[in-house]
Protein backbone atom coordinates (compact mmCIF):
# COMPACT_ATOMS: atom_id res chain seq x y z
CA MET A 1 -11.28 3.62 -9.23
CA LEU A 2 -8.68 3.66 -6.55
CA LEU A 3 -4.93 3.61 -6.27
CA SER A 4 -3.33 3.33 -2.87
CA ILE A 5 0.16 4.29 -1.71
CA SER A 6 1.51 3.23 1.66
CA GLY A 7 4.65 4.66 3.20
CA SER A 8 6.16 3.26 6.36
CA LEU A 9 8.98 4.84 8.30
CA TRP A 10 12.24 3.56 9.76
CA LYS A 11 11.89 2.68 13.42
CA HIS A 12 14.84 4.52 14.97
CA THR A 13 14.95 7.65 12.82
CA LYS A 14 13.93 11.18 13.76
CA PRO A 15 12.37 11.92 10.34
CA ASN A 16 12.55 15.19 8.44
CA TRP A 17 9.92 15.00 5.75
CA ILE A 18 9.26 16.60 2.42
CA LYS A 19 11.43 18.37 0.00
CA GLY A 20 9.64 21.06 -1.97
CA ASN A 21 7.49 23.85 -0.63
CA TRP A 22 8.26 22.87 2.96
CA ASN A 23 11.95 22.17 2.20
CA CYS A 24 12.32 19.76 5.07
CA PHE A 25 12.80 16.41 3.34
CA ARG A 26 16.27 15.20 4.36
CA SER A 27 17.96 11.91 5.17
CA ILE A 28 15.78 10.02 2.72
CA ASN A 29 17.82 6.86 3.24
CA ALA A 30 16.41 6.66 6.74
CA PHE A 31 13.08 5.70 5.25
CA MET A 32 14.39 2.86 3.12
CA MET A 33 13.90 -0.75 4.16
CA ARG A 34 16.78 -3.19 4.49
CA ASP A 35 17.01 -5.50 1.53
CA GLN A 36 16.16 -9.16 1.85
CA PRO A 37 18.59 -11.70 0.38
CA GLU A 38 18.68 -11.72 -3.41
CA GLY A 39 16.05 -14.04 -4.82
CA ALA A 40 14.26 -14.47 -1.49
CA GLU A 41 10.62 -15.43 -1.81
CA PRO A 42 7.89 -13.54 0.05
CA VAL A 43 7.77 -14.59 3.70
CA LEU A 44 5.35 -14.13 6.55
CA LYS A 45 6.46 -11.27 8.73
CA GLY A 46 5.31 -8.36 12.50
CA ALA A 47 4.00 -1.66 16.45
CA GLU A 48 1.34 -0.43 18.40
CA SER A 49 -1.15 2.43 18.06
CA GLU A 50 -3.76 1.58 15.43
CA ILE A 51 -4.85 3.83 12.60
CA ARG A 52 -8.52 3.54 11.68
CA ASP A 53 -8.99 3.43 7.91
CA GLN A 54 -11.28 6.39 7.34
CA TYR A 55 -12.44 4.99 4.00
CA ALA A 56 -13.54 1.63 5.29
CA GLU A 57 -16.04 -0.16 7.42
CA ASP A 58 -14.19 -2.01 10.16
CA SER A 59 -15.31 -4.75 12.47
CA SER A 60 -13.80 -5.81 15.74
CA ASP A 61 -16.06 -8.83 16.08
CA SER A 62 -16.74 -11.71 13.74
CA ASP A 63 -20.12 -12.43 12.18
CA GLY A 64 -21.29 -14.72 14.96
CA GLY A 65 -18.44 -17.24 14.64
CA VAL A 66 -14.87 -17.49 15.85
CA ASN A 67 -12.83 -14.41 14.93
CA GLU A 68 -9.82 -16.12 13.37
CA PHE A 69 -8.63 -12.86 11.81
CA LYS A 70 -8.33 -11.12 15.16
CA ALA A 71 -6.14 -13.90 16.53
CA VAL A 72 -3.67 -13.59 13.67
CA PHE A 73 -3.75 -9.79 13.89
CA LYS A 74 -2.82 -9.93 17.58
CA LYS A 75 -0.08 -12.45 16.88
CA TYR A 76 1.78 -10.12 14.52
CA LYS A 77 0.97 -6.95 16.43
CA LYS A 78 2.50 -8.07 19.70
CA ARG A 79 5.98 -6.81 20.51
CA ARG A 80 6.98 -8.81 23.59
CA PRO A 81 7.79 -11.51 22.88
CA PRO A 82 8.10 -10.77 19.14
CA PRO A 83 6.31 -13.15 16.77
CA ASP A 84 8.05 -15.63 14.52
CA PHE A 85 8.55 -14.01 11.12
CA ASN A 86 10.33 -16.84 9.33
CA VAL A 87 7.42 -18.90 7.99
CA ARG A 88 7.71 -19.51 4.25
CA THR A 89 4.72 -19.00 1.97
CA SER A 90 5.87 -21.02 -1.04
CA SER A 91 3.08 -23.55 -0.58
CA LEU A 92 0.51 -20.72 -0.79
CA LEU A 93 1.84 -19.06 -3.94
CA ASP A 94 1.82 -19.55 -7.68
CA SER A 95 4.47 -17.62 -9.56
CA ARG A 96 4.69 -16.63 -13.22
CA LEU A 97 6.20 -14.04 -15.50
CA VAL A 98 3.74 -11.30 -16.39
CA PHE A 99 5.10 -11.23 -19.96
CA PRO A 100 6.21 -14.79 -20.80
CA ASN A 101 6.08 -13.97 -24.51
CA PRO A 102 8.56 -11.22 -25.48
CA CYS A 103 6.31 -10.34 -28.41
CA ASP A 104 3.80 -8.92 -25.89
CA ILE A 105 6.31 -6.29 -24.78
CA THR A 106 5.99 -3.20 -26.93
CA THR A 107 8.47 -0.36 -27.07
CA GLU A 108 5.75 2.01 -25.91
CA LYS A 109 5.03 -0.06 -22.78
CA GLU A 110 8.71 -0.52 -22.01
CA GLU A 111 9.38 3.21 -22.27
CA LEU A 112 6.39 3.99 -20.05
CA ALA A 113 7.60 1.54 -17.41
CA ALA A 114 11.03 3.18 -17.48
CA ARG A 115 9.54 6.67 -17.09
CA LEU A 116 7.55 5.47 -14.08
CA GLY A 117 10.67 4.02 -12.45
CA LEU A 118 9.69 0.37 -12.90
CA ILE A 119 11.94 -2.55 -13.76
CA SER A 120 11.98 -3.92 -17.29
CA LEU A 121 8.73 -5.61 -18.31
CA SER A 122 10.62 -8.83 -19.05
CA GLU A 123 11.47 -9.05 -15.33
CA TRP A 124 7.94 -8.59 -13.97
CA ARG A 125 6.95 -11.62 -11.90
CA VAL A 126 3.54 -11.92 -10.27
CA TYR A 127 2.57 -14.13 -7.35
CA SER A 128 -1.02 -15.30 -7.09
CA PHE A 129 -2.82 -17.19 -4.36
CA PRO A 130 -4.96 -20.25 -5.18
CA THR A 131 -7.08 -19.67 -2.07
CA ARG A 132 -7.42 -15.92 -2.80
CA PRO A 133 -8.39 -15.55 -6.50
CA GLY A 134 -7.97 -11.92 -7.53
CA LEU A 135 -5.08 -11.19 -5.14
CA TYR A 136 -1.73 -10.53 -6.82
CA LEU A 137 1.68 -9.57 -5.44
CA ILE A 138 4.34 -8.08 -7.73
CA PRO A 139 7.49 -7.82 -5.59
CA GLY A 140 10.29 -5.39 -6.37
CA LEU A 141 8.47 -3.78 -9.28
CA LEU A 142 9.93 -0.37 -8.49
CA LYS A 143 13.62 0.15 -9.22
CA LYS A 144 15.59 0.62 -6.00
CA GLU A 145 17.04 3.95 -7.09
CA GLN A 146 13.55 5.21 -8.00
CA ALA A 147 12.09 4.55 -4.54
CA LYS A 148 13.57 7.79 -3.19
CA ILE A 149 11.94 9.75 -6.00
CA TRP A 150 8.56 8.18 -5.30
CA LEU A 151 8.95 8.84 -1.57
CA LYS A 152 9.58 12.53 -2.23
CA ARG A 153 6.60 12.50 -4.56
CA ALA A 154 4.41 10.82 -1.95
CA PHE A 155 5.09 13.50 0.64
CA GLY A 156 4.83 16.21 -2.00
CA TYR A 157 1.28 15.01 -2.70
CA ALA A 158 0.39 16.30 0.79
CA ASN A 159 0.58 19.86 -0.56
CA PRO A 160 -2.68 21.83 -1.05
CA PRO A 161 -5.10 21.64 -2.71
CA ASN A 162 -4.98 17.96 -1.76
CA ILE A 163 -6.68 17.16 1.54
CA THR A 164 -4.89 15.53 4.48
CA ASN A 165 -5.89 14.56 7.99
CA LEU A 166 -4.17 17.81 9.04
CA THR A 167 -6.02 20.19 6.72
CA ILE A 168 -9.49 18.96 7.66
CA HIS A 169 -8.67 20.02 11.23
CA GLY A 170 -7.42 23.42 10.16
CA LYS A 171 -3.72 22.65 10.62
CA ASP A 172 -1.28 24.61 8.49
CA VAL A 173 1.82 22.57 7.70
CA LYS A 174 3.39 25.48 5.85
CA THR A 175 3.63 27.49 9.05
CA ASP A 176 4.36 24.43 11.20
CA PRO A 177 6.29 21.81 9.15
CA SER A 178 6.88 19.76 12.31
CA LEU A 179 3.28 18.55 11.95
CA LEU A 180 4.51 16.38 9.09
CA THR A 181 6.81 14.41 11.38
CA ARG A 182 4.27 14.25 14.18
CA ALA A 183 0.83 13.96 12.69
CA LEU A 184 0.58 13.31 8.92
CA ARG A 185 -1.42 10.11 8.44
CA TRP A 186 -3.19 10.30 5.08
CA THR A 187 -3.61 12.33 1.90
CA THR A 188 -6.32 12.04 -0.77
CA LEU A 189 -5.87 12.84 -4.45
CA GLY A 190 -8.41 13.20 -7.22
CA VAL A 191 -12.05 12.67 -6.23
CA GLU A 192 -12.18 13.52 -2.52
CA TYR A 193 -13.88 11.16 -0.09
CA ASP A 194 -16.88 12.70 1.70
CA TRP A 195 -16.35 12.13 5.42
CA ASN A 196 -20.01 12.78 6.28
CA THR A 197 -21.73 10.54 3.74
CA LYS A 198 -18.86 8.02 3.59
CA GLN A 199 -19.11 8.13 -0.19
CA TYR A 200 -17.19 9.54 -3.12
CA PRO A 201 -18.79 12.44 -5.01
CA PRO A 202 -19.33 11.99 -8.76
CA ASN A 203 -16.61 14.48 -9.77
CA GLY A 204 -13.30 15.84 -8.55
CA ARG A 205 -9.81 16.86 -9.57
CA PRO A 206 -7.85 14.48 -11.80
CA VAL A 207 -5.21 12.31 -10.17
CA PRO A 208 -1.57 13.06 -11.09
CA GLU A 209 -0.71 11.79 -14.55
CA GLU A 210 2.02 9.46 -13.28
CA LEU A 211 -0.47 7.67 -11.02
CA TYR A 212 -3.02 7.42 -13.81
CA GLN A 213 -0.42 5.85 -16.10
CA LEU A 214 0.86 3.55 -13.34
CA GLY A 215 -2.58 2.12 -12.55
CA ASN A 216 -3.51 1.58 -16.16
CA LEU A 217 -0.18 -0.07 -17.06
CA ILE A 218 -0.34 -2.57 -14.18
CA SER A 219 -4.01 -3.40 -14.69
CA ASN A 220 -3.57 -4.01 -18.40
CA SER A 221 -0.38 -6.00 -17.87
CA LEU A 222 -2.23 -8.39 -15.54
CA LYS A 223 -5.04 -8.61 -18.12
CA LEU A 224 -7.53 -7.04 -15.70
CA GLY A 225 -8.70 -4.49 -18.27
CA ASP A 226 -8.26 -0.76 -18.68
CA MET A 227 -8.08 1.24 -15.47
CA ARG A 228 -8.77 4.97 -15.33
CA PRO A 229 -8.06 5.81 -11.69
CA ASP A 230 -9.84 8.89 -10.40
CA ALA A 231 -8.92 8.66 -6.71
CA THR A 232 -5.79 7.88 -4.71
CA ILE A 233 -5.28 7.42 -0.98
CA LEU A 234 -1.85 7.75 0.59
CA ASN A 235 -1.40 6.30 4.07
CA TYR A 236 1.67 7.29 6.11
CA TYR A 237 2.53 4.79 8.84
CA PRO A 238 4.72 5.79 11.80
CA PRO A 239 6.89 3.02 13.29
CA LYS A 240 4.48 1.88 16.00
CA SER A 241 1.26 2.13 14.03
CA ALA A 242 -1.16 -0.50 12.79
CA LEU A 243 -4.21 -0.56 10.54
CA SER A 244 -7.07 -2.49 12.16
CA PRO A 245 -9.07 -5.17 10.29
CA HIS A 246 -11.63 -3.61 7.95
CA VAL A 247 -13.42 -3.89 4.61
CA ASP A 248 -13.34 -1.20 1.89
CA LYS A 249 -16.90 -0.53 0.74
CA SER A 250 -16.91 3.06 -0.48
CA GLU A 251 -15.40 2.66 -3.95
CA ARG A 252 -17.94 2.72 -6.77
CA SER A 253 -15.93 0.76 -9.34
CA ASN A 254 -15.12 -2.88 -10.04
CA ALA A 255 -11.67 -1.93 -11.31
CA PRO A 256 -8.75 -3.39 -9.36
CA LEU A 257 -7.31 -1.65 -6.33
CA ILE A 258 -3.57 -1.22 -6.79
CA SER A 259 -1.33 -0.54 -3.80
CA MET A 260 2.30 0.59 -3.86
CA SER A 261 4.50 0.16 -0.77
CA LEU A 262 7.30 2.62 -0.01
CA GLY A 263 9.80 2.80 2.83
CA GLN A 264 10.12 0.26 5.60
CA THR A 265 8.65 -3.22 5.41
CA ALA A 266 5.22 -4.03 6.81
CA VAL A 267 3.04 -7.05 7.48
CA TYR A 268 -0.15 -7.19 5.43
CA LEU A 269 -3.00 -9.56 6.34
CA SER A 270 -5.30 -10.64 3.52
CA GLY A 271 -8.50 -12.21 4.80
CA ALA A 272 -11.80 -13.41 3.44
CA LEU A 273 -15.36 -12.07 3.26
CA THR A 274 -15.83 -12.91 6.94
CA LEU A 275 -13.59 -12.74 9.99
CA SER A 276 -14.08 -16.43 10.71
CA GLU A 277 -11.39 -17.39 8.19
CA PRO A 278 -7.73 -16.81 9.12
CA PRO A 279 -5.87 -14.31 6.91
CA ILE A 280 -2.70 -14.85 4.90
CA PRO A 281 0.20 -12.74 6.25
CA LEU A 282 2.56 -11.20 3.70
CA TRP A 283 5.69 -9.07 3.70
CA LEU A 284 5.13 -5.81 1.84
CA ARG A 285 8.55 -4.34 1.06
CA ASN A 286 9.81 -1.15 -0.49
CA GLY A 287 8.79 -1.15 -4.17
CA ASP A 288 6.24 -3.99 -3.91
CA PHE A 289 2.81 -3.74 -5.52
CA LEU A 290 -0.31 -5.49 -4.27
CA VAL A 291 -3.35 -5.80 -6.53
CA MET A 292 -6.87 -6.69 -5.36
CA HIS A 293 -9.46 -7.54 -7.98
CA GLY A 294 -12.95 -9.02 -8.03
CA GLU A 295 -14.03 -10.52 -4.72
CA GLN A 296 -10.71 -9.50 -3.17
CA ARG A 297 -11.94 -5.89 -3.21
CA LEU A 298 -14.36 -6.80 -0.42
CA VAL A 299 -12.25 -8.96 1.90
CA TYR A 300 -11.09 -8.06 5.39
CA HIS A 301 -7.51 -6.85 5.50
CA ALA A 302 -5.17 -5.14 7.96
CA ILE A 303 -1.61 -4.08 8.72
CA PRO A 304 -0.67 -5.26 12.22
CA CYS A 305 2.94 -4.13 12.24
CA ILE A 306 5.53 -1.88 10.63
CA GLY A 307 9.21 -2.62 10.16
CA PRO A 308 9.90 -5.71 12.28
CA LYS A 309 13.55 -6.55 12.86
CA ILE A 310 14.67 -9.80 11.25
């Protein structure tokens, strides 16, 4: 069962990361996205070097047909001229309150949400997609003032014994903290992915309690059942990075995949089971949560661009 955290960085900032053992996390505001207008609906939004998702099976070619996904990926990845980011998605979305009946909100759930830094349960609004059953977007679920705390936490997760792309190559960030600003790309928590077999082992360390509670609360609130996450992947995206189109096939559970976005905005492309169908582009903003359940666990998806100017 997998939780995912994505952090994207401000384009023009020389970042100093992590407060804690490395004591180099400063200027946290530099990582925060600019707010969209109050009440704005999700809109289609658009860096360069690509990051291969180490946990996924990617495909640069379609399954014998026209690769519609690749065309959309290139559209939002290009920088000159920049793509048009002002296409509204209201015709693609259904919106509802997660808790329309106040009687469904218990004191226990409300207190848990507050401890996790989430907005009041009565304010939770979920967007679903008629053409993508099982895909849910919960925008602004994280309180704005809590985003900084979660960002510090996200970089703190890169401490040993957790594995990062640096530690598997023998890099020691404690003796060279500058590696965090130059080379940190991912961290794994809980059950560690086996890079040789491309599978998860049956056992591993437990995920942090706050992530366990977060996954279970969101899954239950969307009526997707209990979730007991045992693995978490954190991806750290530099300003000019992109995540190429791929499918996640390594997870051994049918539980939903829950993704939290922190930092600068990013474009997320949600596709279908093949590359011949064009994807839906979405803004993922600071504090947004994306949930993939059922068939959506096996669709092609990508991040073509981080932090476009609007």
